[in-house]
Amino acid sequence: MVETKKKSKSSGTLTRCTKASKKQIVALSKRLYKAYPDEHQKLGIRKASSKVAVDALLYWAAMAGELNGTKITDENNIFSAIRTISEEV
């Protein structure tokens, strides 16, 4: 009898990129966490996260006018929320 593979519940999404890009994203996530530790904590982020780094890249691309998509807001971009918290202090 053939066993069916059980589906695991993923806590996030998987994005594929080159090894060089991965190194850059990891480095950026560490720099952002070091620059905004209190803001990360307020959002419940306890360590450096590639999600924040990718959102920061999207945020900067949108601000530069290079990204034509949905409007960047605090609800759909973690880095935008971090910037908002940072500016409130």
Protein backbone atom coordinates (compact mmCIF):
# COMPACT_ATOMS: atom_id res chain seq x y z
CA MET A 1 0.00 0.00 0.00
CA VAL A 2 1.26 3.48 -0.89
CA GLU A 3 1.51 6.02 1.90
CA THR A 4 0.26 9.49 1.21
CA LYS A 5 2.59 12.30 2.05
CA LYS A 6 1.32 14.46 4.89
CA LYS A 7 1.24 18.15 4.17
CA SER A 8 3.21 20.24 6.62
CA LYS A 9 1.94 23.61 7.67
CA SER A 10 4.40 26.25 6.58
CA SER A 11 4.88 29.35 8.71
CA GLY A 12 5.97 31.43 5.75
CA THR A 13 6.69 31.51 2.07
CA LEU A 14 9.74 30.27 0.23
CA THR A 15 11.40 32.62 -2.21
CA ARG A 16 14.17 31.31 -4.39
CA CYS A 17 17.16 33.45 -5.25
CA THR A 18 20.86 33.10 -5.99
CA LYS A 19 23.37 32.37 -3.24
CA ALA A 20 24.84 35.84 -3.66
CA SER A 21 21.41 37.44 -3.26
CA LYS A 22 20.75 35.33 -0.18
CA LYS A 23 23.97 36.58 1.42
CA GLN A 24 23.02 40.19 0.66
CA ILE A 25 19.49 39.76 2.05
CA VAL A 26 20.80 38.12 5.24
CA ALA A 27 23.38 40.90 5.69
CA LEU A 28 20.73 43.57 5.11
CA SER A 29 18.34 41.94 7.59
CA LYS A 30 21.09 41.97 10.25
CA ARG A 31 21.90 45.64 9.58
CA LEU A 32 18.22 46.61 9.75
CA TYR A 33 17.74 44.70 13.02
CA LYS A 34 20.80 46.40 14.48
CA ALA A 35 19.54 49.83 13.33
CA TYR A 36 15.93 49.36 14.52
CA PRO A 37 15.93 46.84 17.42
CA ASP A 38 13.16 48.50 19.45
CA GLU A 39 10.90 48.86 16.42
CA HIS A 40 11.35 45.17 15.57
CA GLN A 41 10.46 44.24 19.16
CA LYS A 42 7.29 46.37 19.06
CA LEU A 43 6.17 44.47 15.95
CA GLY A 44 6.93 41.12 17.59
CA ILE A 45 10.04 40.39 15.53
CA ARG A 46 12.63 38.91 17.90
CA LYS A 47 15.57 38.44 15.52
CA ALA A 48 16.87 39.58 12.13
CA SER A 49 14.39 38.60 9.43
CA SER A 50 14.73 38.32 5.66
CA LYS A 51 11.06 39.37 5.42
CA VAL A 52 12.03 42.80 6.73
CA ALA A 53 14.96 43.01 4.31
CA VAL A 54 12.80 42.14 1.29
CA ASP A 55 10.12 44.60 2.40
CA ALA A 56 12.82 47.28 2.80
CA LEU A 57 14.01 46.66 -0.75
CA LEU A 58 10.44 46.92 -2.05
CA TYR A 59 9.89 50.08 0.03
CA TRP A 60 13.03 51.74 -1.36
CA ALA A 61 12.14 50.73 -4.92
CA ALA A 62 8.66 52.21 -4.53
CA MET A 63 10.03 55.44 -3.05
CA ALA A 64 12.47 55.72 -5.97
CA GLY A 65 9.58 55.34 -8.42
CA GLU A 66 10.91 52.07 -9.82
CA LEU A 67 8.12 49.85 -8.50
CA ASN A 68 4.70 50.10 -10.06
CA GLY A 69 2.35 48.08 -7.93
CA THR A 70 0.12 48.45 -4.95
CA LYS A 71 0.69 51.38 -2.66
CA ILE A 72 3.15 50.69 0.16
CA THR A 73 1.45 51.02 3.56
CA ASP A 74 2.14 49.94 7.13
CA GLU A 75 -0.36 47.12 6.71
CA ASN A 76 1.33 45.52 3.70
CA ASN A 77 5.00 46.32 4.33
CA ILE A 78 6.90 45.54 7.54
CA PHE A 79 9.68 48.04 6.84
CA SER A 80 7.15 50.82 6.35
CA ALA A 81 5.69 49.99 9.77
CA ILE A 82 9.18 50.04 11.29
CA ARG A 83 9.84 53.46 9.76
CA THR A 84 6.54 54.78 11.10
CA ILE A 85 7.33 53.58 14.63
CA SER A 86 10.84 55.05 14.33
CA GLU A 87 9.51 58.45 13.25
CA GLU A 88 7.03 58.56 16.13
CA VAL A 89 9.86 58.45 18.69
